[in-house]
Amino acid sequence: MSPVPADLVTFYDSIGDVTWADVGNGYFLDPASDVLLRLQEYGAVDVGADREAHGLVIGSNGGGLCYVVGPDGQVHRTRTASLDEPELDKVADDLRRFLELLERSLTRFVADGEPGSL
């Protein structure tokens, strides 16, 4: 397993998890204990074009799609609910940007009831 990105460690030290079950289908960033349990039970997720890098599943959008952070800190979202040979789309260059996108989704939801597309 590749090293865990520093901003993910900071997130778990400072915040721990995010649960917005009432925003669209929901947005969830799992606590570190759940991330580590999933890693132990299912292993890391292959990320990147060469499938040589391994990422951690850190949460989901409540609709079955998972968020995966790679060793370089980029955050990806699965295209389907399956983690067996997943197809991933990059949603943010790093966790900070991903959290900003989540915040925008919450702000939009409060303003007009639309949860965004994360």
Protein backbone atom coordinates (compact mmCIF):
# COMPACT_ATOMS: atom_id res chain seq x y z
CA MET A 1 0.00 0.00 0.00
CA SER A 2 1.28 3.45 -0.90
CA PRO A 3 1.64 6.12 1.76
CA VAL A 4 -1.54 7.89 2.85
CA PRO A 5 -1.76 11.51 1.62
CA ALA A 6 -0.96 14.04 4.36
CA ASP A 7 -4.22 15.94 3.90
CA LEU A 8 -6.19 12.74 4.57
CA VAL A 9 -4.31 12.27 7.83
CA THR A 10 -5.07 15.90 8.72
CA PHE A 11 -8.74 15.38 7.87
CA TYR A 12 -9.00 12.43 10.23
CA ASP A 13 -7.09 14.26 12.97
CA SER A 14 -9.27 17.36 12.69
CA ILE A 15 -12.71 16.33 11.44
CA GLY A 16 -13.02 12.56 11.47
CA ASP A 17 -15.97 11.98 9.16
CA VAL A 18 -18.78 13.73 7.26
CA THR A 19 -22.38 12.53 7.20
CA TRP A 20 -24.89 14.55 5.19
CA ALA A 21 -27.60 11.92 4.80
CA ASP A 22 -30.27 14.48 3.91
CA VAL A 23 -28.45 16.14 0.99
CA GLY A 24 -29.69 14.37 -2.15
CA ASN A 25 -28.86 10.68 -1.74
CA GLY A 26 -26.35 11.74 0.89
CA TYR A 27 -22.65 12.49 1.07
CA PHE A 28 -20.50 10.39 3.36
CA LEU A 29 -16.81 10.51 4.21
CA ASP A 30 -16.24 7.52 6.43
CA PRO A 31 -14.38 7.54 9.74
CA ALA A 32 -10.83 6.23 9.60
CA SER A 33 -11.84 3.03 11.39
CA ASP A 34 -14.30 2.18 8.58
CA VAL A 35 -11.74 3.02 5.88
CA LEU A 36 -9.17 0.75 7.53
CA LEU A 37 -11.68 -2.06 8.04
CA ARG A 38 -12.68 -1.89 4.36
CA LEU A 39 -9.00 -1.91 3.40
CA GLN A 40 -8.40 -4.97 5.57
CA GLU A 41 -11.44 -6.84 4.22
CA TYR A 42 -11.31 -5.90 0.53
CA GLY A 43 -7.88 -4.40 -0.12
CA ALA A 44 -6.92 -1.23 -1.91
CA VAL A 45 -8.52 -0.01 -5.15
CA ASP A 46 -6.40 0.25 -8.29
CA VAL A 47 -6.20 3.85 -9.50
CA GLY A 48 -4.40 5.51 -12.35
CA ALA A 49 -3.93 4.53 -15.96
CA ASP A 50 -1.28 1.92 -15.18
CA ARG A 51 -3.23 0.37 -12.29
CA GLU A 52 0.03 0.38 -10.34
CA ALA A 53 -1.19 2.89 -7.74
CA HIS A 54 -3.55 1.86 -4.97
CA GLY A 55 -6.18 4.04 -3.34
CA LEU A 56 -8.41 4.00 -0.31
CA VAL A 57 -12.19 4.09 -0.43
CA ILE A 58 -13.01 7.02 1.87
CA GLY A 59 -16.76 7.38 1.39
CA SER A 60 -19.72 7.45 -0.96
CA ASN A 61 -22.42 9.63 -2.43
CA GLY A 62 -25.23 7.59 -0.91
CA GLY A 63 -26.28 6.42 -4.35
CA GLY A 64 -23.78 3.57 -4.58
CA LEU A 65 -20.80 5.45 -6.01
CA CYS A 66 -17.61 5.49 -3.94
CA TYR A 67 -14.94 8.12 -3.42
CA VAL A 68 -11.36 6.87 -3.64
CA VAL A 69 -8.25 8.83 -2.71
CA GLY A 70 -5.03 7.86 -4.45
CA PRO A 71 -1.52 8.00 -3.01
CA ASP A 72 -0.99 11.30 -4.85
CA GLY A 73 -3.98 12.81 -3.02
CA GLN A 74 -6.30 12.94 -6.03
CA VAL A 75 -9.92 12.05 -5.29
CA HIS A 76 -11.82 9.85 -7.72
CA ARG A 77 -15.43 8.66 -7.91
CA THR A 78 -16.44 5.26 -9.22
CA ARG A 79 -18.75 5.14 -12.24
CA THR A 80 -20.63 2.13 -10.86
CA ALA A 81 -21.27 0.67 -7.42
CA SER A 82 -18.79 -2.14 -8.02
CA LEU A 83 -15.22 -1.94 -6.77
CA ASP A 84 -14.19 -4.97 -8.85
CA GLU A 85 -12.07 -3.41 -11.59
CA PRO A 86 -13.70 -0.02 -11.07
CA GLU A 87 -13.84 2.72 -13.65
CA LEU A 88 -12.91 5.98 -11.96
CA ASP A 89 -13.38 9.65 -12.76
CA LYS A 90 -11.17 12.24 -11.10
CA VAL A 91 -13.32 14.71 -9.17
CA ALA A 92 -10.61 16.74 -7.43
CA ASP A 93 -6.85 17.23 -7.45
CA ASP A 94 -6.69 16.85 -3.67
CA LEU A 95 -8.83 16.37 -0.57
CA ARG A 96 -9.01 20.11 0.14
CA ARG A 97 -10.56 20.78 -3.26
CA PHE A 98 -12.90 17.81 -2.82
CA LEU A 99 -14.11 19.20 0.51
CA GLU A 100 -14.66 22.58 -1.16
CA LEU A 101 -16.80 20.85 -3.81
CA LEU A 102 -18.78 19.12 -1.06
CA GLU A 103 -19.31 22.47 0.63
CA ARG A 104 -20.61 23.92 -2.63
CA SER A 105 -23.02 21.02 -2.95
CA LEU A 106 -24.34 21.68 0.55
CA THR A 107 -24.68 25.42 -0.13
CA ARG A 108 -26.54 24.73 -3.36
CA PHE A 109 -28.81 22.22 -1.65
CA VAL A 110 -29.71 24.71 1.08
CA ALA A 111 -30.37 27.43 -1.51
CA ASP A 112 -32.43 25.53 -4.09
CA GLY A 113 -32.77 21.88 -3.06
CA GLU A 114 -30.35 20.59 -5.72
CA PRO A 115 -27.55 18.42 -4.27
CA GLY A 116 -25.01 18.85 -7.08
CA SER A 117 -23.30 16.15 -9.04
CA LEU A 118 -20.59 14.80 -6.77
